[in-house]
Amino acid sequence: MAYQGVVSPITVTERLNYVHFDVKTALKSSQTQINVLIDELGDPDKDLIIDGKAYKGADKFSAAATLAVTNKMDQLQNSTTTILSVFTELYKLEKSIGGTT
């Protein structure tokens, strides 16, 4: 959808009224992914699987696997920070327009 000028408050309300986003669930999902990575790295019998690519045995500690783990952890950190920032701004916006929750 292309930007077509000022959007009316009624349009915003109609479009966003039924959109629900659970911050706790999103953060728990990120934490679960981190826990899975840590478990896979700590258990020599488990393969390390990142974004569908498996690193087996000694490959778990190769340069490619280390880079993949670092990238995945950065992605999770960025998404968590973004989720918290958006939620905080939405909360501020709601408070500024008179919301009570």
C-alpha atoms as a PDB file:
ATOM      1  CA  MET A   1       0.000   0.000   0.000  1.00  0.00           C
ATOM      2  CA  ALA A   2       1.461   3.327  -1.047  1.00  0.00           C
ATOM      3  CA  TYR A   3       1.339   6.398   1.145  1.00  0.00           C
ATOM      4  CA  GLN A   4      -1.426   8.686  -0.056  1.00  0.00           C
ATOM      5  CA  GLY A   5      -1.253  11.689   2.260  1.00  0.00           C
ATOM      6  CA  VAL A   6      -2.590  12.147   5.757  1.00  0.00           C
ATOM      7  CA  VAL A   7      -4.422   9.131   7.120  1.00  0.00           C
ATOM      8  CA  SER A   8      -7.529   9.866   9.156  1.00  0.00           C
ATOM      9  CA  PRO A   9      -7.742   8.636  12.760  1.00  0.00           C
ATOM     10  CA  ILE A  10     -10.882   6.672  11.865  1.00  0.00           C
ATOM     11  CA  THR A  11      -8.991   4.754   9.165  1.00  0.00           C
ATOM     12  CA  VAL A  12      -6.170   3.954  11.569  1.00  0.00           C
ATOM     13  CA  THR A  13      -8.628   2.801  14.224  1.00  0.00           C
ATOM     14  CA  GLU A  14     -10.554   0.623  11.767  1.00  0.00           C
ATOM     15  CA  ARG A  15      -7.407  -1.050  10.455  1.00  0.00           C
ATOM     16  CA  LEU A  16      -5.663  -1.570  13.793  1.00  0.00           C
ATOM     17  CA  ASN A  17      -8.652  -2.237  16.019  1.00  0.00           C
ATOM     18  CA  TYR A  18      -8.516  -6.005  15.635  1.00  0.00           C
ATOM     19  CA  VAL A  19      -4.758  -6.440  15.371  1.00  0.00           C
ATOM     20  CA  HIS A  20      -3.450  -8.211  18.435  1.00  0.00           C
ATOM     21  CA  PHE A  21       0.208  -8.671  19.220  1.00  0.00           C
ATOM     22  CA  ASP A  22       1.346 -10.501  22.303  1.00  0.00           C
ATOM     23  CA  VAL A  23       4.669  -9.085  23.430  1.00  0.00           C
ATOM     24  CA  LYS A  24       5.246 -11.772  26.052  1.00  0.00           C
ATOM     25  CA  THR A  25       4.777 -14.561  23.513  1.00  0.00           C
ATOM     26  CA  ALA A  26       7.170 -12.904  21.063  1.00  0.00           C
ATOM     27  CA  LEU A  27       9.816 -12.491  23.758  1.00  0.00           C
ATOM     28  CA  LYS A  28       9.320 -16.072  24.965  1.00  0.00           C
ATOM     29  CA  SER A  29       9.812 -17.270  21.395  1.00  0.00           C
ATOM     30  CA  SER A  30      13.151 -15.445  21.176  1.00  0.00           C
ATOM     31  CA  GLN A  31      14.220 -16.844  24.548  1.00  0.00           C
ATOM     32  CA  THR A  32      13.246 -20.360  23.442  1.00  0.00           C
ATOM     33  CA  GLN A  33      15.378 -20.042  20.322  1.00  0.00           C
ATOM     34  CA  ILE A  34      18.332 -18.874  22.417  1.00  0.00           C
ATOM     35  CA  ASN A  35      17.885 -21.784  24.829  1.00  0.00           C
ATOM     36  CA  VAL A  36      17.764 -24.268  21.937  1.00  0.00           C
ATOM     37  CA  LEU A  37      21.013 -22.850  20.495  1.00  0.00           C
ATOM     38  CA  ILE A  38      22.728 -23.083  23.865  1.00  0.00           C
ATOM     39  CA  ASP A  39      21.493 -26.677  24.403  1.00  0.00           C
ATOM     40  CA  GLU A  40      22.657 -27.736  20.942  1.00  0.00           C
ATOM     41  CA  LEU A  41      26.064 -26.150  21.467  1.00  0.00           C
ATOM     42  CA  GLY A  42      26.483 -27.742  24.900  1.00  0.00           C
ATOM     43  CA  ASP A  43      25.461 -31.282  23.957  1.00  0.00           C
ATOM     44  CA  PRO A  44      28.064 -33.111  21.843  1.00  0.00           C
ATOM     45  CA  ASP A  45      25.441 -35.625  20.679  1.00  0.00           C
ATOM     46  CA  LYS A  46      23.101 -32.992  19.212  1.00  0.00           C
ATOM     47  CA  ASP A  47      23.533 -31.361  15.838  1.00  0.00           C
ATOM     48  CA  LEU A  48      23.539 -27.581  15.723  1.00  0.00           C
ATOM     49  CA  ILE A  49      20.721 -26.444  13.455  1.00  0.00           C
ATOM     50  CA  ILE A  50      20.525 -22.784  12.489  1.00  0.00           C
ATOM     51  CA  ASP A  51      17.977 -21.606   9.939  1.00  0.00           C
ATOM     52  CA  GLY A  52      17.655 -25.139   8.545  1.00  0.00           C
ATOM     53  CA  LYS A  53      21.382 -25.772   8.123  1.00  0.00           C
ATOM     54  CA  ALA A  54      22.836 -28.538  10.274  1.00  0.00           C
ATOM     55  CA  TYR A  55      26.343 -28.441  11.703  1.00  0.00           C
ATOM     56  CA  LYS A  56      27.382 -31.901  12.885  1.00  0.00           C
ATOM     57  CA  GLY A  57      30.123 -33.091  15.194  1.00  0.00           C
ATOM     58  CA  ALA A  58      33.279 -31.006  14.961  1.00  0.00           C
ATOM     59  CA  ASP A  59      31.592 -28.701  12.449  1.00  0.00           C
ATOM     60  CA  LYS A  60      29.634 -27.211  15.374  1.00  0.00           C
ATOM     61  CA  PHE A  61      32.711 -25.212  16.285  1.00  0.00           C
ATOM     62  CA  SER A  62      33.925 -24.338  12.815  1.00  0.00           C
ATOM     63  CA  ALA A  63      34.248 -20.751  11.647  1.00  0.00           C
ATOM     64  CA  ALA A  64      31.062 -21.066   9.581  1.00  0.00           C
ATOM     65  CA  ALA A  65      29.041 -22.369  12.541  1.00  0.00           C
ATOM     66  CA  THR A  66      30.451 -19.688  14.834  1.00  0.00           C
ATOM     67  CA  LEU A  67      29.485 -17.021  12.318  1.00  0.00           C
ATOM     68  CA  ALA A  68      26.005 -18.538  11.960  1.00  0.00           C
ATOM     69  CA  VAL A  69      25.525 -18.561  15.750  1.00  0.00           C
ATOM     70  CA  THR A  70      26.722 -14.970  16.020  1.00  0.00           C
ATOM     71  CA  ASN A  71      24.402 -13.857  13.218  1.00  0.00           C
ATOM     72  CA  LYS A  72      21.436 -15.703  14.721  1.00  0.00           C
ATOM     73  CA  MET A  73      22.061 -14.206  18.169  1.00  0.00           C
ATOM     74  CA  ASP A  74      22.337 -10.732  16.618  1.00  0.00           C
ATOM     75  CA  GLN A  75      19.038 -11.271  14.789  1.00  0.00           C
ATOM     76  CA  LEU A  76      17.350 -12.376  18.014  1.00  0.00           C
ATOM     77  CA  GLN A  77      18.790  -9.411  19.904  1.00  0.00           C
ATOM     78  CA  ASN A  78      17.649  -6.975  17.218  1.00  0.00           C
ATOM     79  CA  SER A  79      14.153  -8.436  17.046  1.00  0.00           C
ATOM     80  CA  THR A  80      13.813  -8.368  20.842  1.00  0.00           C
ATOM     81  CA  THR A  81      14.970  -4.759  20.990  1.00  0.00           C
ATOM     82  CA  THR A  82      12.575  -3.836  18.186  1.00  0.00           C
ATOM     83  CA  ILE A  83       9.642  -5.577  19.868  1.00  0.00           C
ATOM     84  CA  LEU A  84      10.298  -3.785  23.146  1.00  0.00           C
ATOM     85  CA  SER A  85      10.775  -0.418  21.432  1.00  0.00           C
ATOM     86  CA  VAL A  86       7.580  -0.713  19.405  1.00  0.00           C
ATOM     87  CA  PHE A  87       5.606  -1.840  22.435  1.00  0.00           C
ATOM     88  CA  THR A  88       6.973   1.040  24.508  1.00  0.00           C
ATOM     89  CA  GLU A  89       6.091   3.581  21.832  1.00  0.00           C
ATOM     90  CA  LEU A  90       2.611   2.122  21.393  1.00  0.00           C
ATOM     91  CA  TYR A  91       2.110   2.303  25.150  1.00  0.00           C
ATOM     92  CA  LYS A  92       3.223   5.966  25.181  1.00  0.00           C
ATOM     93  CA  LEU A  93       0.918   6.731  22.258  1.00  0.00           C
ATOM     94  CA  GLU A  94      -2.019   5.066  23.949  1.00  0.00           C
ATOM     95  CA  LYS A  95      -1.365   6.979  27.170  1.00  0.00           C
ATOM     96  CA  SER A  96      -1.077  10.281  25.293  1.00  0.00           C
ATOM     97  CA  ILE A  97      -4.452   9.838  23.613  1.00  0.00           C
ATOM     98  CA  GLY A  98      -6.151   8.974  26.869  1.00  0.00           C
ATOM     99  CA  GLY A  99      -5.937   5.198  27.080  1.00  0.00           C
ATOM    100  CA  THR A 100      -6.059   3.682  30.537  1.00  0.00           C
ATOM    101  CA  THR A 101      -4.377   0.334  29.893  1.00  0.00           C
END
